[in-house]
Amino acid sequence: MGLKGKLAKAKSKIASVDAVLAALADPHRRRVVEVLRSGPQNAGELSKIVGLSAPAMSRHLRLLKESGVVGETHPAYDARVRIYALRPQPLGELKAWLETTERLWADQLASFKKHLER
């Protein structure tokens, strides 16, 4: 892969992390993610558990879908029902970004400590 390809891939990952962070900035959406950790749920169940109206839940789910944090499927028995589940890739990219950032800070602090000890 050439330099342009690598840069495009890096920009894409950064945009993905930005979208995930924006989606998780809202406490209701974080609560939806917490609920979905136990398994897929339909929108009505999520509304009841989180305590939001159907229209409000729909707006939050749409943003979570757009960010890639959740995916939507339709069961074969009823195409009107939407089942939501967590998607691991966007959260994995966020985790990788956080780990890289944490290592950077740890290295910087270690260098600063060595400098002060001299």
C-alpha atoms as a PDB file:
ATOM      1  CA  MET A   1       0.000   0.000   0.000  1.00  0.00           C
ATOM      2  CA  GLY A   2       1.370   3.419  -0.967  1.00  0.00           C
ATOM      3  CA  LEU A   3       1.611   6.508   1.188  1.00  0.00           C
ATOM      4  CA  LYS A   4      -1.680   7.923  -0.142  1.00  0.00           C
ATOM      5  CA  GLY A   5      -3.451   4.680   0.693  1.00  0.00           C
ATOM      6  CA  LYS A   6      -2.020   4.633   4.208  1.00  0.00           C
ATOM      7  CA  LEU A   7      -3.017   8.265   4.782  1.00  0.00           C
ATOM      8  CA  ALA A   8      -6.532   7.610   3.515  1.00  0.00           C
ATOM      9  CA  LYS A   9      -6.843   4.597   5.797  1.00  0.00           C
ATOM     10  CA  ALA A  10      -5.592   6.602   8.796  1.00  0.00           C
ATOM     11  CA  LYS A  11      -8.051   9.428   8.045  1.00  0.00           C
ATOM     12  CA  SER A  12     -10.863   6.907   7.766  1.00  0.00           C
ATOM     13  CA  LYS A  13     -10.010   5.416  11.179  1.00  0.00           C
ATOM     14  CA  ILE A  14      -9.847   8.875  12.751  1.00  0.00           C
ATOM     15  CA  ALA A  15     -13.239   9.756  11.267  1.00  0.00           C
ATOM     16  CA  SER A  16     -14.620   6.487  12.640  1.00  0.00           C
ATOM     17  CA  VAL A  17     -13.267   7.224  16.129  1.00  0.00           C
ATOM     18  CA  ASP A  18     -14.712  10.762  15.931  1.00  0.00           C
ATOM     19  CA  ALA A  19     -18.140   9.376  15.006  1.00  0.00           C
ATOM     20  CA  VAL A  20     -18.052   6.837  17.849  1.00  0.00           C
ATOM     21  CA  LEU A  21     -17.012   9.482  20.384  1.00  0.00           C
ATOM     22  CA  ALA A  22     -19.774  11.810  19.184  1.00  0.00           C
ATOM     23  CA  ALA A  23     -22.329   9.015  19.427  1.00  0.00           C
ATOM     24  CA  LEU A  24     -21.204   8.067  22.939  1.00  0.00           C
ATOM     25  CA  ALA A  25     -21.228  11.679  24.159  1.00  0.00           C
ATOM     26  CA  ASP A  26     -24.907  11.405  25.056  1.00  0.00           C
ATOM     27  CA  PRO A  27     -25.809   9.558  28.299  1.00  0.00           C
ATOM     28  CA  HIS A  28     -28.924   7.980  26.738  1.00  0.00           C
ATOM     29  CA  ARG A  29     -26.871   6.495  23.915  1.00  0.00           C
ATOM     30  CA  ARG A  30     -24.278   5.205  26.385  1.00  0.00           C
ATOM     31  CA  ARG A  31     -27.137   3.571  28.295  1.00  0.00           C
ATOM     32  CA  VAL A  32     -28.337   1.909  25.063  1.00  0.00           C
ATOM     33  CA  VAL A  33     -24.814   0.535  24.545  1.00  0.00           C
ATOM     34  CA  GLU A  34     -24.796  -0.781  28.124  1.00  0.00           C
ATOM     35  CA  VAL A  35     -28.140  -2.522  27.568  1.00  0.00           C
ATOM     36  CA  LEU A  36     -27.009  -4.016  24.253  1.00  0.00           C
ATOM     37  CA  ARG A  37     -23.920  -5.514  25.909  1.00  0.00           C
ATOM     38  CA  SER A  38     -26.244  -8.175  27.317  1.00  0.00           C
ATOM     39  CA  GLY A  39     -27.584  -8.985  23.854  1.00  0.00           C
ATOM     40  CA  PRO A  40     -29.673  -7.703  20.949  1.00  0.00           C
ATOM     41  CA  GLN A  41     -32.940  -5.925  21.675  1.00  0.00           C
ATOM     42  CA  ASN A  42     -35.763  -4.470  19.624  1.00  0.00           C
ATOM     43  CA  ALA A  43     -36.424  -0.726  19.681  1.00  0.00           C
ATOM     44  CA  GLY A  44     -39.520  -1.041  21.870  1.00  0.00           C
ATOM     45  CA  GLU A  45     -37.650  -2.984  24.552  1.00  0.00           C
ATOM     46  CA  LEU A  46     -34.818  -0.463  24.450  1.00  0.00           C
ATOM     47  CA  SER A  47     -37.287   2.418  24.849  1.00  0.00           C
ATOM     48  CA  LYS A  48     -38.798   0.832  27.951  1.00  0.00           C
ATOM     49  CA  ILE A  49     -35.449  -0.063  29.522  1.00  0.00           C
ATOM     50  CA  VAL A  50     -33.821   3.317  28.863  1.00  0.00           C
ATOM     51  CA  GLY A  51     -37.003   5.260  29.649  1.00  0.00           C
ATOM     52  CA  LEU A  52     -37.353   7.207  26.414  1.00  0.00           C
ATOM     53  CA  SER A  53     -40.293   7.768  24.091  1.00  0.00           C
ATOM     54  CA  ALA A  54     -40.289   5.854  20.807  1.00  0.00           C
ATOM     55  CA  PRO A  55     -39.449   8.961  18.715  1.00  0.00           C
ATOM     56  CA  ALA A  56     -36.552   9.899  21.026  1.00  0.00           C
ATOM     57  CA  MET A  57     -35.226   6.332  20.979  1.00  0.00           C
ATOM     58  CA  SER A  58     -35.486   6.304  17.194  1.00  0.00           C
ATOM     59  CA  ARG A  59     -33.306   9.432  16.954  1.00  0.00           C
ATOM     60  CA  HIS A  60     -30.688   7.956  19.301  1.00  0.00           C
ATOM     61  CA  LEU A  61     -30.659   4.621  17.477  1.00  0.00           C
ATOM     62  CA  ARG A  62     -30.286   6.371  14.115  1.00  0.00           C
ATOM     63  CA  LEU A  63     -27.188   8.207  15.374  1.00  0.00           C
ATOM     64  CA  LEU A  64     -25.740   5.012  16.868  1.00  0.00           C
ATOM     65  CA  LYS A  65     -26.316   3.247  13.531  1.00  0.00           C
ATOM     66  CA  GLU A  66     -24.725   6.083  11.549  1.00  0.00           C
ATOM     67  CA  SER A  67     -21.642   5.935  13.769  1.00  0.00           C
ATOM     68  CA  GLY A  68     -21.451   2.168  13.261  1.00  0.00           C
ATOM     69  CA  VAL A  69     -21.732   1.401  16.979  1.00  0.00           C
ATOM     70  CA  VAL A  70     -24.929  -0.611  16.475  1.00  0.00           C
ATOM     71  CA  GLY A  71     -26.300  -2.616  13.601  1.00  0.00           C
ATOM     72  CA  GLU A  72     -29.903  -3.328  12.691  1.00  0.00           C
ATOM     73  CA  THR A  73     -31.496  -6.530  11.463  1.00  0.00           C
ATOM     74  CA  HIS A  74     -35.044  -7.604  10.696  1.00  0.00           C
ATOM     75  CA  PRO A  75     -36.289 -10.989  11.881  1.00  0.00           C
ATOM     76  CA  ALA A  76     -37.749 -13.231   9.182  1.00  0.00           C
ATOM     77  CA  TYR A  77     -41.119 -13.367  10.954  1.00  0.00           C
ATOM     78  CA  ASP A  78     -41.784  -9.585  10.767  1.00  0.00           C
ATOM     79  CA  ALA A  79     -39.925  -7.082   8.596  1.00  0.00           C
ATOM     80  CA  ARG A  80     -41.388  -4.193  10.620  1.00  0.00           C
ATOM     81  CA  VAL A  81     -39.477  -5.251  13.737  1.00  0.00           C
ATOM     82  CA  ARG A  82     -35.930  -3.978  14.040  1.00  0.00           C
ATOM     83  CA  ILE A  83     -33.418  -5.740  16.233  1.00  0.00           C
ATOM     84  CA  TYR A  84     -30.384  -3.736  17.357  1.00  0.00           C
ATOM     85  CA  ALA A  85     -27.031  -5.181  18.376  1.00  0.00           C
ATOM     86  CA  LEU A  86     -23.572  -3.838  19.096  1.00  0.00           C
ATOM     87  CA  ARG A  87     -21.007  -3.940  16.313  1.00  0.00           C
ATOM     88  CA  PRO A  88     -17.519  -4.749  17.617  1.00  0.00           C
ATOM     89  CA  GLN A  89     -15.382  -3.027  14.956  1.00  0.00           C
ATOM     90  CA  PRO A  90     -16.054   0.658  15.791  1.00  0.00           C
ATOM     91  CA  LEU A  91     -15.638   0.052  19.513  1.00  0.00           C
ATOM     92  CA  GLY A  92     -12.451  -1.905  18.799  1.00  0.00           C
ATOM     93  CA  GLU A  93     -11.078   1.019  16.791  1.00  0.00           C
ATOM     94  CA  LEU A  94     -11.900   3.361  19.678  1.00  0.00           C
ATOM     95  CA  LYS A  95     -10.179   1.002  22.122  1.00  0.00           C
ATOM     96  CA  ALA A  96      -7.071   0.835  19.907  1.00  0.00           C
ATOM     97  CA  TRP A  97      -6.979   4.631  19.654  1.00  0.00           C
ATOM     98  CA  LEU A  98      -7.288   4.979  23.440  1.00  0.00           C
ATOM     99  CA  GLU A  99      -4.504   2.437  24.022  1.00  0.00           C
ATOM    100  CA  THR A 100      -2.204   4.253  21.592  1.00  0.00           C
ATOM    101  CA  THR A 101      -2.968   7.588  23.230  1.00  0.00           C
ATOM    102  CA  GLU A 102      -2.396   6.131  26.689  1.00  0.00           C
ATOM    103  CA  ARG A 103       1.004   4.737  25.617  1.00  0.00           C
ATOM    104  CA  LEU A 104       1.957   8.126  24.177  1.00  0.00           C
ATOM    105  CA  TRP A 105       1.131   9.869  27.458  1.00  0.00           C
ATOM    106  CA  ALA A 106       2.895   7.221  29.526  1.00  0.00           C
ATOM    107  CA  ASP A 107       6.030   7.616  27.386  1.00  0.00           C
ATOM    108  CA  GLN A 108       5.853  11.419  27.645  1.00  0.00           C
ATOM    109  CA  LEU A 109       5.447  11.292  31.421  1.00  0.00           C
ATOM    110  CA  ALA A 110       8.314   8.809  31.766  1.00  0.00           C
ATOM    111  CA  SER A 111      10.560  11.103  29.707  1.00  0.00           C
ATOM    112  CA  PHE A 112       9.511  14.085  31.810  1.00  0.00           C
ATOM    113  CA  LYS A 113      10.257  12.153  35.015  1.00  0.00           C
ATOM    114  CA  LYS A 114      13.761  11.248  33.734  1.00  0.00           C
ATOM    115  CA  HIS A 115      14.339  14.895  32.835  1.00  0.00           C
ATOM    116  CA  LEU A 116      13.312  16.057  36.328  1.00  0.00           C
ATOM    117  CA  GLU A 117      15.489  13.436  38.023  1.00  0.00           C
ATOM    118  CA  ARG A 118      18.619  14.681  36.247  1.00  0.00           C
END
